[in-house]
Protein backbone atom coordinates (compact mmCIF):
# COMPACT_ATOMS: atom_id res chain seq x y z
CA UNK A 1 113.49 94.20 113.90
CA UNK A 2 114.48 93.02 110.45
CA UNK A 3 117.28 90.92 111.89
CA UNK A 4 114.81 89.35 114.32
CA UNK A 5 112.48 88.67 111.39
CA UNK A 6 115.27 86.77 109.66
CA UNK A 7 115.56 84.68 112.83
CA UNK A 8 111.88 83.77 112.61
CA UNK A 9 110.14 86.53 114.61
CA UNK A 10 106.81 87.53 113.03
CA UNK A 11 107.31 91.24 112.26
CA UNK A 12 105.24 93.92 110.55
CA UNK A 13 106.87 97.34 110.17
CA UNK A 14 104.45 100.03 109.00
CA UNK A 15 105.59 103.55 108.22
CA UNK A 16 102.51 105.77 108.16
CA UNK A 17 101.92 108.99 106.28
CA UNK A 18 100.71 112.44 107.35
CA UNK A 19 98.06 111.40 109.90
CA UNK A 20 95.00 113.61 109.70
CA UNK A 21 91.40 113.78 110.87
CA UNK A 22 89.07 110.84 110.57
CA UNK A 23 87.44 110.67 107.17
CA UNK A 24 84.21 109.57 108.82
CA UNK A 25 83.52 112.72 110.84
CA UNK A 26 86.49 115.12 110.63
CA UNK A 27 87.57 114.57 114.24
CA UNK A 28 91.30 115.00 114.85
CA UNK A 29 93.73 113.75 117.46
CA UNK A 30 93.81 115.22 120.97
CA UNK A 31 97.29 116.67 120.53
CA UNK A 32 96.29 118.67 117.46
CA UNK A 33 98.19 121.70 118.77
CA UNK A 34 101.55 119.88 118.49
CA UNK A 35 100.99 118.76 114.89
CA UNK A 36 103.53 120.63 112.74
CA UNK A 37 101.44 120.39 109.56
CA UNK A 38 98.37 121.91 111.27
CA UNK A 39 100.49 124.57 112.99
CA UNK A 40 101.78 125.68 109.61
CA UNK A 41 98.28 125.82 108.16
CA UNK A 42 97.13 127.82 111.20
CA UNK A 43 100.05 130.24 110.74
CA UNK A 44 99.11 130.75 107.10
CA UNK A 45 95.49 131.33 108.11
CA UNK A 46 96.57 133.88 110.73
CA UNK A 47 98.88 135.69 108.29
CA UNK A 48 96.21 135.54 105.54
CA UNK A 49 98.93 134.88 102.94
CA UNK A 50 100.70 131.87 101.47
CA UNK A 51 103.76 131.72 99.24
CA UNK A 52 103.56 130.59 95.63
CA UNK A 53 105.77 127.56 96.30
CA UNK A 54 103.72 126.46 99.32
CA UNK A 55 100.43 127.04 97.52
CA UNK A 56 101.41 124.62 94.78
CA UNK A 57 103.07 122.02 97.03
CA UNK A 58 101.78 118.48 96.69
CA UNK A 59 100.69 117.03 100.03
CA UNK A 60 99.54 113.74 101.44
CA UNK A 61 96.83 113.34 104.05
CA UNK A 62 96.11 109.94 105.59
CA UNK A 63 92.82 109.99 107.53
CA UNK A 64 93.48 108.17 110.81
CA UNK A 65 90.42 105.91 110.56
CA UNK A 66 91.52 104.64 107.14
CA UNK A 67 95.12 104.36 108.31
CA UNK A 68 93.96 102.07 111.13
CA UNK A 69 91.94 99.97 108.67
CA UNK A 70 94.92 99.71 106.33
CA UNK A 71 97.23 98.57 109.15
CA UNK A 72 94.73 95.89 110.17
CA UNK A 73 94.57 94.71 106.55
CA UNK A 74 98.38 94.65 106.26
CA UNK A 75 98.65 92.62 109.46
CA UNK A 76 96.89 89.80 107.60
CA UNK A 77 99.54 89.55 104.89
CA UNK A 78 101.90 86.56 104.71
CA UNK A 79 104.95 86.64 106.98
CA UNK A 80 107.23 87.32 103.99
CA UNK A 81 105.53 90.72 103.64
CA UNK A 82 106.90 92.64 106.58
CA UNK A 83 107.72 96.28 105.66
CA UNK A 84 105.14 98.76 104.38
CA UNK A 85 104.91 102.46 103.52
CA UNK A 86 101.29 103.01 104.42
CA UNK A 87 99.97 106.36 103.25
CA UNK A 88 97.22 107.75 101.11
CA UNK A 89 98.08 107.67 97.42
CA UNK A 90 95.46 110.32 96.60
CA UNK A 91 97.60 113.42 96.82
CA UNK A 92 96.25 116.94 96.87
CA UNK A 93 97.81 120.38 96.94
CA UNK A 94 98.08 122.97 99.67
CA UNK A 95 95.91 125.18 97.50
CA UNK A 96 93.04 122.72 98.13
CA UNK A 97 93.27 123.41 101.86
CA UNK A 98 93.53 127.17 101.25
CA UNK A 99 90.46 127.05 98.98
CA UNK A 100 88.56 125.16 101.70
CA UNK A 101 89.60 127.75 104.31
CA UNK A 102 88.63 130.60 101.96
CA UNK A 103 85.24 129.02 101.25
CA UNK A 104 84.61 129.17 105.00
CA UNK A 105 85.15 132.93 105.22
CA UNK A 106 88.91 133.42 105.14
CA UNK A 107 90.69 135.60 102.63
CA UNK A 108 94.11 133.98 102.24
CA UNK A 109 96.01 135.38 99.28
CA UNK A 110 98.87 133.84 97.34
CA UNK A 111 102.00 136.04 97.24
CA UNK A 112 105.56 135.65 96.01
CA UNK A 113 107.97 133.66 98.16
CA UNK A 114 109.93 136.87 98.85
CA UNK A 115 106.84 138.79 99.94
CA UNK A 116 105.71 135.87 102.09
CA UNK A 117 109.08 135.72 103.84
CA UNK A 118 108.95 139.47 104.51
CA UNK A 119 105.44 139.18 105.96
CA UNK A 120 106.60 136.31 108.18
CA UNK A 121 109.57 138.34 109.41
CA UNK A 122 107.26 141.28 110.22
CA UNK A 123 104.99 138.98 112.22
CA UNK A 124 107.46 136.93 114.22
CA UNK A 125 105.46 137.64 117.39
CA UNK A 126 102.57 135.73 115.85
CA UNK A 127 102.58 131.94 116.17
CA UNK A 128 104.46 131.25 112.92
CA UNK A 129 107.63 129.57 114.18
CA UNK A 130 106.99 126.45 112.11
CA UNK A 131 107.23 128.47 108.90
CA UNK A 132 110.66 129.94 109.66
CA UNK A 133 113.75 127.90 110.49
CA UNK A 134 116.44 128.97 112.94
CA UNK A 135 118.52 130.43 110.09
CA UNK A 136 115.54 132.63 109.04
CA UNK A 137 114.86 130.71 105.83
CA UNK A 138 111.52 129.36 104.77
CA UNK A 139 110.68 125.83 105.88
CA UNK A 140 107.87 124.34 103.82
CA UNK A 141 108.91 120.74 104.47
CA UNK A 142 105.96 120.17 106.79
CA UNK A 143 103.57 121.47 104.16
CA UNK A 144 104.96 119.36 101.37
CA UNK A 145 104.27 115.75 102.23
CA UNK A 146 104.82 114.52 98.70
CA UNK A 147 106.14 110.97 98.85
CA UNK A 148 108.52 111.60 95.97
CA UNK A 149 110.17 114.45 97.86
CA UNK A 150 111.07 112.20 100.76
CA UNK A 151 111.93 109.36 98.39
CA UNK A 152 109.29 106.95 99.70
CA UNK A 153 107.80 104.44 97.31
CA UNK A 154 104.24 103.56 98.30
CA UNK A 155 103.27 101.70 95.11
CA UNK A 156 103.83 98.20 96.48
CA UNK A 157 101.85 98.87 99.67
CA UNK A 158 99.01 100.51 97.69
CA UNK A 159 98.91 97.49 95.35
CA UNK A 160 98.84 95.04 98.27
CA UNK A 161 96.04 97.01 99.94
CA UNK A 162 94.01 97.02 96.70
CA UNK A 163 94.36 93.23 96.50
CA UNK A 164 93.09 93.08 100.08
CA UNK A 165 90.06 95.21 99.09
CA UNK A 166 91.28 98.44 100.69
CA UNK A 167 91.17 101.73 98.76
CA UNK A 168 92.31 105.06 100.20
CA UNK A 169 89.71 107.86 100.07
CA UNK A 170 90.46 111.09 98.22
CA UNK A 171 90.62 114.02 100.66
CA UNK A 172 88.15 116.17 98.72
CA UNK A 173 86.74 119.61 99.57
CA UNK A 174 83.93 118.05 101.62
CA UNK A 175 86.47 116.23 103.81
CA UNK A 176 88.66 119.33 104.15
CA UNK A 177 85.74 121.60 105.11
CA UNK A 178 84.39 119.07 107.61
CA UNK A 179 87.86 118.76 109.15
CA UNK A 180 88.30 122.56 109.39
CA UNK A 181 84.82 123.05 110.87
CA UNK A 182 85.45 120.30 113.44
CA UNK A 183 88.76 121.95 114.41
CA UNK A 184 86.92 125.26 114.86
CA UNK A 185 84.04 123.68 116.79
CA UNK A 186 86.00 121.38 119.11
CA UNK A 187 89.27 123.21 119.52
CA UNK A 188 88.84 126.78 118.28
CA UNK A 189 92.06 126.08 116.40
CA UNK A 190 91.45 127.54 112.94
């Protein structure tokens, strides 16, 4: 694509972040059950424990409605602007999701990484495969969507979006609770 752009083709390449429920109403995509991030959160909810390292992991959530608006805005940029890392710059922590789940009647406790691994190994028959890799080590990569961990710089795209009048919303507790309740109501997922 970039080579074609050098030859004059009008190209916009947009790498999106961790696509999540609409900010507007908390509705999520139809294939929610194949989303690795949500599957890991569901596993943690089912186990009722989370490891220290996962609890404090920085995550990124890009509401799909705002992602669509940001892509439309980026499409209007000059042709010289052709590659974007489009994701929410308002990071939160896994603990924010756990606190939202707990405020809705769950009792998820934070335990040591070792204890968490042992609990996972004792409950392999539960749907927790996303939390354990094939070599039986912990895999929190899907829970930690921190841009710095995957070496993605979003500053330029965020700055361009601000100049275009677009600001990402902060996924606050109201958004998280609405999202969780919608997943329970529509999909009986959480």
